[in-house]
């Protein structure tokens, strides 16, 4: 089960499924918003700042990739779970490359959805494919710098700019975080 105090955004064009997802996930969230289109998701994302996004792959005015483009602009990357009844293997592969942590086929089993979200929140994403892809294209020190900069920015986003909160998320001292920030160009 998900711990409370998480903001969940559902992007699903099927009204009955959107209602079912909302009913199932509302008790698990501090706030929940549901919408049916890419345009509505883009409108909601900046102000809502979700922790979790349940995202349909095919939408009436675009697709999951259009929503992921808008998610990239957020201060903190939410956990994204994609759902679809028609996604191709190429689409699911590309979604994973864009940071989608899981994919569930439709029709959805709500117990499986809840279990999957709980599992995803309990474990870190697999970085190995991304690091392996960098071999031969970037020197180790450049990859380390990107990882450090990204993790610091993400922790600051998740902690709403609190350096103490970011240090806690990163499991480092505040002094080490200060040192990392001095070495990280904006």
C-alpha atoms as a PDB file:
ATOM      1  CA  UNK A   1       0.000   0.000   0.000  1.00  0.00           C
ATOM      2  CA  UNK A   2       1.204   3.507  -0.766  1.00  0.00           C
ATOM      3  CA  UNK A   3       1.876   5.773   2.154  1.00  0.00           C
ATOM      4  CA  UNK A   4      -0.379   8.826   2.273  1.00  0.00           C
ATOM      5  CA  UNK A   5       0.746  12.361   1.478  1.00  0.00           C
ATOM      6  CA  UNK A   6       1.501  11.652  -2.159  1.00  0.00           C
ATOM      7  CA  UNK A   7       0.077  13.709  -5.001  1.00  0.00           C
ATOM      8  CA  UNK A   8      -1.278  11.504  -7.793  1.00  0.00           C
ATOM      9  CA  UNK A   9      -2.133  12.623 -11.332  1.00  0.00           C
ATOM     10  CA  UNK A  10      -4.187  10.297 -13.537  1.00  0.00           C
ATOM     11  CA  UNK A  11      -4.142  10.975 -17.288  1.00  0.00           C
ATOM     12  CA  UNK A  12      -6.708   8.652 -18.889  1.00  0.00           C
ATOM     13  CA  UNK A  13      -9.182   9.430 -21.673  1.00  0.00           C
ATOM     14  CA  UNK A  14     -11.656   6.612 -20.894  1.00  0.00           C
ATOM     15  CA  UNK A  15     -14.106   8.232 -18.457  1.00  0.00           C
ATOM     16  CA  UNK A  16     -15.165   5.022 -16.689  1.00  0.00           C
ATOM     17  CA  UNK A  17     -11.556   3.876 -16.186  1.00  0.00           C
ATOM     18  CA  UNK A  18     -10.572   7.381 -15.038  1.00  0.00           C
ATOM     19  CA  UNK A  19     -13.361   7.268 -12.415  1.00  0.00           C
ATOM     20  CA  UNK A  20     -12.334   3.751 -11.292  1.00  0.00           C
ATOM     21  CA  UNK A  21      -8.674   4.772 -10.987  1.00  0.00           C
ATOM     22  CA  UNK A  22      -9.644   7.902  -9.071  1.00  0.00           C
ATOM     23  CA  UNK A  23     -11.837   5.919  -6.672  1.00  0.00           C
ATOM     24  CA  UNK A  24      -9.111   3.303  -6.109  1.00  0.00           C
ATOM     25  CA  UNK A  25      -6.237   5.751  -5.616  1.00  0.00           C
ATOM     26  CA  UNK A  26      -7.960   8.601  -3.725  1.00  0.00           C
ATOM     27  CA  UNK A  27      -7.641   6.853  -0.333  1.00  0.00           C
ATOM     28  CA  UNK A  28      -3.907   6.467  -0.963  1.00  0.00           C
ATOM     29  CA  UNK A  29      -3.222  10.098  -1.859  1.00  0.00           C
ATOM     30  CA  UNK A  30      -3.029  13.416  -0.099  1.00  0.00           C
ATOM     31  CA  UNK A  31      -4.297  14.956  -3.347  1.00  0.00           C
ATOM     32  CA  UNK A  32      -5.478  13.461  -6.620  1.00  0.00           C
ATOM     33  CA  UNK A  33      -6.267  15.053  -9.962  1.00  0.00           C
ATOM     34  CA  UNK A  34      -7.549  13.259 -13.032  1.00  0.00           C
ATOM     35  CA  UNK A  35      -7.699  14.521 -16.599  1.00  0.00           C
ATOM     36  CA  UNK A  36      -8.419  13.133 -20.063  1.00  0.00           C
ATOM     37  CA  UNK A  37      -6.086  14.923 -22.486  1.00  0.00           C
ATOM     38  CA  UNK A  38      -2.504  15.998 -23.046  1.00  0.00           C
ATOM     39  CA  UNK A  39      -3.622  19.638 -22.904  1.00  0.00           C
ATOM     40  CA  UNK A  40      -5.317  19.142 -19.540  1.00  0.00           C
ATOM     41  CA  UNK A  41      -2.274  17.294 -18.160  1.00  0.00           C
ATOM     42  CA  UNK A  42       0.045  20.087 -19.330  1.00  0.00           C
ATOM     43  CA  UNK A  43      -2.209  22.593 -17.617  1.00  0.00           C
ATOM     44  CA  UNK A  44      -2.293  20.637 -14.332  1.00  0.00           C
ATOM     45  CA  UNK A  45       1.368  19.626 -14.058  1.00  0.00           C
ATOM     46  CA  UNK A  46       3.083  22.911 -13.089  1.00  0.00           C
ATOM     47  CA  UNK A  47       0.731  23.780 -10.238  1.00  0.00           C
ATOM     48  CA  UNK A  48      -0.029  20.253  -9.049  1.00  0.00           C
ATOM     49  CA  UNK A  49       3.557  18.879  -9.031  1.00  0.00           C
ATOM     50  CA  UNK A  50       2.572  15.186  -8.755  1.00  0.00           C
ATOM     51  CA  UNK A  51       4.652  12.532  -7.014  1.00  0.00           C
ATOM     52  CA  UNK A  52       3.009   9.786  -9.084  1.00  0.00           C
ATOM     53  CA  UNK A  53       1.524   9.850 -12.595  1.00  0.00           C
ATOM     54  CA  UNK A  54      -0.669   7.076 -13.997  1.00  0.00           C
ATOM     55  CA  UNK A  55      -0.461   7.770 -17.718  1.00  0.00           C
ATOM     56  CA  UNK A  56      -2.441   6.335 -20.624  1.00  0.00           C
ATOM     57  CA  UNK A  57      -0.217   5.914 -23.683  1.00  0.00           C
ATOM     58  CA  UNK A  58      -2.799   6.973 -26.285  1.00  0.00           C
ATOM     59  CA  UNK A  59      -4.743  10.170 -25.692  1.00  0.00           C
ATOM     60  CA  UNK A  60      -7.168  12.046 -27.962  1.00  0.00           C
ATOM     61  CA  UNK A  61      -4.834  14.992 -28.540  1.00  0.00           C
ATOM     62  CA  UNK A  62      -1.462  13.234 -28.445  1.00  0.00           C
ATOM     63  CA  UNK A  63       0.279  10.530 -26.496  1.00  0.00           C
ATOM     64  CA  UNK A  64       2.245   9.764 -23.356  1.00  0.00           C
ATOM     65  CA  UNK A  65       5.404  11.230 -24.904  1.00  0.00           C
ATOM     66  CA  UNK A  66       3.730  14.655 -25.098  1.00  0.00           C
ATOM     67  CA  UNK A  67       2.905  14.451 -21.383  1.00  0.00           C
ATOM     68  CA  UNK A  68       6.448  13.257 -20.589  1.00  0.00           C
ATOM     69  CA  UNK A  69       7.795  16.357 -22.367  1.00  0.00           C
ATOM     70  CA  UNK A  70       5.804  18.488 -19.924  1.00  0.00           C
ATOM     71  CA  UNK A  71       6.901  16.338 -16.967  1.00  0.00           C
ATOM     72  CA  UNK A  72      10.541  17.009 -17.891  1.00  0.00           C
ATOM     73  CA  UNK A  73      10.001  20.674 -16.974  1.00  0.00           C
ATOM     74  CA  UNK A  74       8.982  19.868 -13.370  1.00  0.00           C
ATOM     75  CA  UNK A  75      11.331  20.532 -10.477  1.00  0.00           C
ATOM     76  CA  UNK A  76      11.111  16.859  -9.394  1.00  0.00           C
ATOM     77  CA  UNK A  77      10.477  13.843 -11.612  1.00  0.00           C
ATOM     78  CA  UNK A  78       7.369  11.957 -10.515  1.00  0.00           C
ATOM     79  CA  UNK A  79       7.153   8.189 -10.590  1.00  0.00           C
ATOM     80  CA  UNK A  80       5.388   7.412 -13.886  1.00  0.00           C
ATOM     81  CA  UNK A  81       3.399   4.261 -14.590  1.00  0.00           C
ATOM     82  CA  UNK A  82       2.058   3.869 -18.137  1.00  0.00           C
ATOM     83  CA  UNK A  83      -1.109   1.964 -19.070  1.00  0.00           C
ATOM     84  CA  UNK A  84      -2.387   0.964 -22.502  1.00  0.00           C
ATOM     85  CA  UNK A  85      -4.428  -1.560 -24.353  1.00  0.00           C
ATOM     86  CA  UNK A  86      -2.588  -1.005 -27.626  1.00  0.00           C
ATOM     87  CA  UNK A  87       1.034   0.032 -26.961  1.00  0.00           C
ATOM     88  CA  UNK A  88       3.608  -1.514 -29.251  1.00  0.00           C
ATOM     89  CA  UNK A  89       6.848  -3.060 -27.942  1.00  0.00           C
ATOM     90  CA  UNK A  90       8.701  -0.093 -29.475  1.00  0.00           C
ATOM     91  CA  UNK A  91       6.504   2.350 -27.554  1.00  0.00           C
ATOM     92  CA  UNK A  92       6.997   0.532 -24.253  1.00  0.00           C
ATOM     93  CA  UNK A  93      10.771   0.482 -24.838  1.00  0.00           C
ATOM     94  CA  UNK A  94      10.812   4.217 -25.637  1.00  0.00           C
ATOM     95  CA  UNK A  95       8.651   4.936 -22.568  1.00  0.00           C
ATOM     96  CA  UNK A  96      11.193   3.132 -20.383  1.00  0.00           C
ATOM     97  CA  UNK A  97      13.972   5.190 -21.961  1.00  0.00           C
ATOM     98  CA  UNK A  98      12.048   8.342 -20.979  1.00  0.00           C
ATOM     99  CA  UNK A  99      11.843   7.314 -17.318  1.00  0.00           C
ATOM    100  CA  UNK A 100       8.534   5.444 -17.174  1.00  0.00           C
ATOM    101  CA  UNK A 101       9.106   2.950 -14.365  1.00  0.00           C
ATOM    102  CA  UNK A 102       6.397   0.390 -15.212  1.00  0.00           C
ATOM    103  CA  UNK A 103       3.855  -0.518 -17.839  1.00  0.00           C
ATOM    104  CA  UNK A 104       0.528  -2.234 -17.236  1.00  0.00           C
ATOM    105  CA  UNK A 105      -1.676  -3.515 -20.054  1.00  0.00           C
ATOM    106  CA  UNK A 106      -5.399  -2.810 -20.147  1.00  0.00           C
ATOM    107  CA  UNK A 107      -7.784  -4.014 -18.925  1.00  0.00           C
ATOM    108  CA  UNK A 108      -6.342  -3.040 -15.565  1.00  0.00           C
ATOM    109  CA  UNK A 109      -6.633  -5.023 -12.389  1.00  0.00           C
ATOM    110  CA  UNK A 110      -6.757  -2.375  -9.644  1.00  0.00           C
ATOM    111  CA  UNK A 111      -5.075  -4.673  -7.097  1.00  0.00           C
ATOM    112  CA  UNK A 112      -2.175  -5.164  -9.528  1.00  0.00           C
ATOM    113  CA  UNK A 113      -1.995  -1.399 -10.086  1.00  0.00           C
ATOM    114  CA  UNK A 114      -1.775  -0.709  -6.350  1.00  0.00           C
ATOM    115  CA  UNK A 115       0.806  -3.485  -5.831  1.00  0.00           C
ATOM    116  CA  UNK A 116       2.887  -2.228  -8.778  1.00  0.00           C
ATOM    117  CA  UNK A 117       2.883   1.346  -7.473  1.00  0.00           C
ATOM    118  CA  UNK A 118       3.931   0.117  -4.034  1.00  0.00           C
ATOM    119  CA  UNK A 119       6.741  -1.980  -5.517  1.00  0.00           C
ATOM    120  CA  UNK A 120       7.970   0.916  -7.652  1.00  0.00           C
ATOM    121  CA  UNK A 121       8.063   3.298  -4.705  1.00  0.00           C
ATOM    122  CA  UNK A 122      10.038   0.755  -2.678  1.00  0.00           C
ATOM    123  CA  UNK A 123      12.905   0.342  -5.141  1.00  0.00           C
ATOM    124  CA  UNK A 124      15.229   2.615  -7.058  1.00  0.00           C
ATOM    125  CA  UNK A 125      15.145   2.644 -10.862  1.00  0.00           C
ATOM    126  CA  UNK A 126      17.652   0.479 -12.705  1.00  0.00           C
ATOM    127  CA  UNK A 127      20.486   2.795 -13.743  1.00  0.00           C
ATOM    128  CA  UNK A 128      22.601   0.086 -15.362  1.00  0.00           C
ATOM    129  CA  UNK A 129      21.118   0.409 -18.889  1.00  0.00           C
ATOM    130  CA  UNK A 130      21.677   4.171 -18.876  1.00  0.00           C
ATOM    131  CA  UNK A 131      25.230   3.904 -17.611  1.00  0.00           C
ATOM    132  CA  UNK A 132      26.028   1.129 -20.079  1.00  0.00           C
ATOM    133  CA  UNK A 133      24.680   3.283 -22.915  1.00  0.00           C
ATOM    134  CA  UNK A 134      27.117   6.051 -21.941  1.00  0.00           C
ATOM    135  CA  UNK A 135      30.175   3.785 -22.281  1.00  0.00           C
ATOM    136  CA  UNK A 136      32.228   4.917 -25.238  1.00  0.00           C
ATOM    137  CA  UNK A 137      30.264   8.152 -25.531  1.00  0.00           C
ATOM    138  CA  UNK A 138      31.244   9.985 -22.351  1.00  0.00           C
ATOM    139  CA  UNK A 139      34.196   9.818 -19.975  1.00  0.00           C
ATOM    140  CA  UNK A 140      33.561   8.477 -16.470  1.00  0.00           C
ATOM    141  CA  UNK A 141      34.103  11.884 -14.813  1.00  0.00           C
ATOM    142  CA  UNK A 142      31.460  13.458 -17.099  1.00  0.00           C
ATOM    143  CA  UNK A 143      28.916  10.748 -16.215  1.00  0.00           C
ATOM    144  CA  UNK A 144      29.705  11.168 -12.504  1.00  0.00           C
ATOM    145  CA  UNK A 145      29.199  14.923 -12.825  1.00  0.00           C
ATOM    146  CA  UNK A 146      25.821  14.482 -14.554  1.00  0.00           C
ATOM    147  CA  UNK A 147      24.679  11.971 -11.930  1.00  0.00           C
ATOM    148  CA  UNK A 148      25.737  14.253  -9.063  1.00  0.00           C
ATOM    149  CA  UNK A 149      24.142  17.365 -10.632  1.00  0.00           C
ATOM    150  CA  UNK A 150      20.915  15.507 -11.446  1.00  0.00           C
ATOM    151  CA  UNK A 151      20.598  13.922  -8.018  1.00  0.00           C
ATOM    152  CA  UNK A 152      21.194  17.240  -6.233  1.00  0.00           C
ATOM    153  CA  UNK A 153      18.676  19.081  -8.436  1.00  0.00           C
ATOM    154  CA  UNK A 154      16.091  16.304  -7.994  1.00  0.00           C
ATOM    155  CA  UNK A 155      16.554  16.226  -4.213  1.00  0.00           C
ATOM    156  CA  UNK A 156      16.193  20.003  -4.015  1.00  0.00           C
ATOM    157  CA  UNK A 157      13.043  19.772  -6.149  1.00  0.00           C
ATOM    158  CA  UNK A 158      11.552  17.034  -3.981  1.00  0.00           C
ATOM    159  CA  UNK A 159      12.378  18.982  -0.822  1.00  0.00           C
ATOM    160  CA  UNK A 160      10.951  22.225  -2.275  1.00  0.00           C
ATOM    161  CA  UNK A 161      14.363  23.900  -2.128  1.00  0.00           C
ATOM    162  CA  UNK A 162      15.232  22.860   1.422  1.00  0.00           C
ATOM    163  CA  UNK A 163      18.938  22.053   1.678  1.00  0.00           C
ATOM    164  CA  UNK A 164      18.361  20.109   4.889  1.00  0.00           C
ATOM    165  CA  UNK A 165      15.607  18.120   3.188  1.00  0.00           C
ATOM    166  CA  UNK A 166      17.756  17.503   0.099  1.00  0.00           C
ATOM    167  CA  UNK A 167      20.673  16.317   2.240  1.00  0.00           C
ATOM    168  CA  UNK A 168      18.351  13.889   4.023  1.00  0.00           C
ATOM    169  CA  UNK A 169      17.001  12.531   0.709  1.00  0.00           C
ATOM    170  CA  UNK A 170      20.549  12.053  -0.594  1.00  0.00           C
ATOM    171  CA  UNK A 171      21.762  10.508   2.687  1.00  0.00           C
ATOM    172  CA  UNK A 172      24.597  13.029   2.961  1.00  0.00           C
ATOM    173  CA  UNK A 173      25.460  15.724   5.477  1.00  0.00           C
ATOM    174  CA  UNK A 174      24.293  19.274   4.833  1.00  0.00           C
ATOM    175  CA  UNK A 175      27.951  20.281   4.647  1.00  0.00           C
ATOM    176  CA  UNK A 176      28.623  17.747   1.879  1.00  0.00           C
ATOM    177  CA  UNK A 177      25.556  18.991   0.019  1.00  0.00           C
ATOM    178  CA  UNK A 178      26.865  22.568   0.312  1.00  0.00           C
ATOM    179  CA  UNK A 179      30.183  21.373  -1.137  1.00  0.00           C
ATOM    180  CA  UNK A 180      28.355  19.609  -3.987  1.00  0.00           C
ATOM    181  CA  UNK A 181      26.329  22.753  -4.706  1.00  0.00           C
ATOM    182  CA  UNK A 182      29.461  24.879  -4.911  1.00  0.00           C
ATOM    183  CA  UNK A 183      30.874  22.472  -7.492  1.00  0.00           C
ATOM    184  CA  UNK A 184      27.631  22.330  -9.512  1.00  0.00           C
ATOM    185  CA  UNK A 185      27.155  25.121 -12.048  1.00  0.00           C
ATOM    186  CA  UNK A 186      23.563  26.255 -12.486  1.00  0.00           C
END
